Amino acid sequence: MEIERNTKQKLLYIFDILNKESDENHIISMRELQERLESLGISSQRKSIARDIAELKEFGYDISTFEENRKGNFMRIRTFEESELRILIDAVLSSKSITKKKSKELI
């Protein structure tokens, strides 16, 4: 049962690691992902990690994969935290150059 639970959670952990720790300047290699998963008690192979990343891409997450010099992956687009969204909304609402109609569209 533990192996099944870990297998199901592996995809979520991969997403979480890429979302929190990667960007175009911080590419995470398959080896690094494998080591991070193992530190969380989840055994994995590079091929299964690659399949999970492909699954995340198919679901719609914008993950880039580099095959050239720095083989690895990174999350291109992230979701905002609630506090960040509130700051952005406040900035849009207080802007004098954005009409009320456009502010509503943006929000």
Protein backbone atom coordinates (compact mmCIF):
# COMPACT_ATOMS: atom_id res chain seq x y z
CA MET A 1 0.00 0.00 0.00
CA GLU A 2 2.90 2.36 0.78
CA ILE A 3 4.34 1.90 -2.72
CA GLU A 4 0.98 2.73 -4.35
CA ARG A 5 0.59 5.86 -2.19
CA ASN A 6 4.09 7.02 -3.07
CA THR A 7 3.49 6.39 -6.77
CA LYS A 8 0.33 8.47 -6.71
CA GLN A 9 1.99 11.28 -4.79
CA LYS A 10 5.09 11.33 -7.00
CA LEU A 11 3.37 13.39 -9.70
CA LEU A 12 2.27 15.95 -7.12
CA TYR A 13 5.75 16.18 -5.62
CA ILE A 14 7.31 16.66 -9.06
CA PHE A 15 4.87 19.48 -9.76
CA ASP A 16 5.56 21.05 -6.36
CA ILE A 17 9.35 20.90 -6.77
CA LEU A 18 9.24 22.39 -10.27
CA ASN A 19 6.74 25.05 -9.25
CA LYS A 20 8.61 26.21 -6.15
CA GLU A 21 12.24 25.73 -7.12
CA SER A 22 12.66 26.10 -10.86
CA ASP A 23 12.66 28.86 -13.44
CA GLU A 24 14.64 29.70 -16.57
CA ASN A 25 17.69 30.41 -14.40
CA HIS A 26 17.26 27.37 -12.13
CA ILE A 27 16.81 24.29 -14.26
CA ILE A 28 16.31 21.04 -12.37
CA SER A 29 17.84 17.92 -13.89
CA MET A 30 16.21 14.52 -13.87
CA ARG A 31 18.92 13.37 -11.48
CA GLU A 32 18.10 16.23 -9.08
CA LEU A 33 14.38 15.42 -9.25
CA GLN A 34 15.14 11.77 -8.59
CA GLU A 35 17.31 12.66 -5.57
CA ARG A 36 14.66 15.04 -4.18
CA LEU A 37 11.97 12.37 -4.52
CA GLU A 38 14.19 9.81 -2.80
CA SER A 39 14.76 12.26 0.07
CA LEU A 40 10.96 12.34 0.43
CA GLY A 41 10.84 8.55 0.57
CA ILE A 42 9.64 8.06 -3.01
CA SER A 43 11.70 5.80 -5.21
CA SER A 44 11.61 6.60 -8.91
CA GLN A 45 13.40 6.12 -12.19
CA ARG A 46 14.28 8.75 -14.76
CA LYS A 47 11.87 7.29 -17.30
CA SER A 48 8.95 7.47 -14.86
CA ILE A 49 9.83 11.07 -13.98
CA ALA A 50 9.93 11.92 -17.69
CA ARG A 51 6.48 10.32 -18.12
CA ASP A 52 5.14 12.32 -15.17
CA ILE A 53 6.51 15.57 -16.63
CA ALA A 54 4.93 14.70 -19.99
CA GLU A 55 1.63 14.10 -18.15
CA LEU A 56 1.87 17.53 -16.47
CA LYS A 57 2.57 19.14 -19.85
CA GLU A 58 -0.39 17.33 -21.42
CA PHE A 59 -2.60 18.57 -18.58
CA GLY A 60 -1.61 22.13 -19.49
CA TYR A 61 1.31 23.13 -17.28
CA ASP A 62 3.96 25.15 -19.08
CA ILE A 63 7.10 23.14 -18.35
CA SER A 64 10.16 23.53 -20.54
CA THR A 65 12.62 20.72 -21.07
CA PHE A 66 16.20 21.40 -22.11
CA GLU A 67 18.11 18.66 -23.85
CA GLU A 68 21.22 20.58 -24.86
CA ASN A 69 23.88 21.90 -22.48
CA ARG A 70 21.87 21.89 -19.27
CA LYS A 71 19.59 18.90 -19.46
CA GLY A 72 16.66 19.50 -17.18
CA ASN A 73 13.24 21.06 -16.67
CA PHE A 74 11.70 24.22 -15.30
CA MET A 75 8.25 25.65 -14.74
CA ARG A 76 7.63 28.59 -17.05
CA ILE A 77 4.36 29.97 -15.70
CA ARG A 78 3.22 29.92 -12.08
CA THR A 79 0.00 30.66 -10.30
CA PHE A 80 -0.15 33.60 -7.92
CA GLU A 81 -0.65 33.34 -4.19
CA GLU A 82 -3.72 35.10 -2.80
CA SER A 83 -1.66 37.91 -1.27
CA GLU A 84 0.06 38.54 -4.60
CA LEU A 85 -3.28 38.67 -6.39
CA ARG A 86 -4.62 41.20 -3.89
CA ILE A 87 -1.61 43.46 -4.49
CA LEU A 88 -2.11 43.25 -8.25
CA ILE A 89 -5.84 43.97 -7.92
CA ASP A 90 -5.12 46.99 -5.71
CA ALA A 91 -2.59 48.27 -8.24
CA VAL A 92 -5.08 47.94 -11.10
CA LEU A 93 -7.89 49.60 -9.14
CA SER A 94 -5.72 52.52 -8.04
CA SER A 95 -4.28 53.19 -11.49
CA LYS A 96 -5.51 56.46 -12.97
CA SER A 97 -4.63 55.41 -16.51
CA ILE A 98 -6.88 52.31 -16.54
CA THR A 99 -10.62 52.80 -17.05
CA LYS A 100 -13.13 51.18 -14.67
CA LYS A 101 -14.32 48.90 -17.48
CA LYS A 102 -10.79 47.75 -18.26
CA SER A 103 -10.06 47.29 -14.53
CA LYS A 104 -13.02 44.91 -14.24
CA GLU A 105 -11.82 42.97 -17.28
CA LEU A 106 -8.32 42.66 -15.88
CA ILE A 107 -9.50 41.57 -12.45
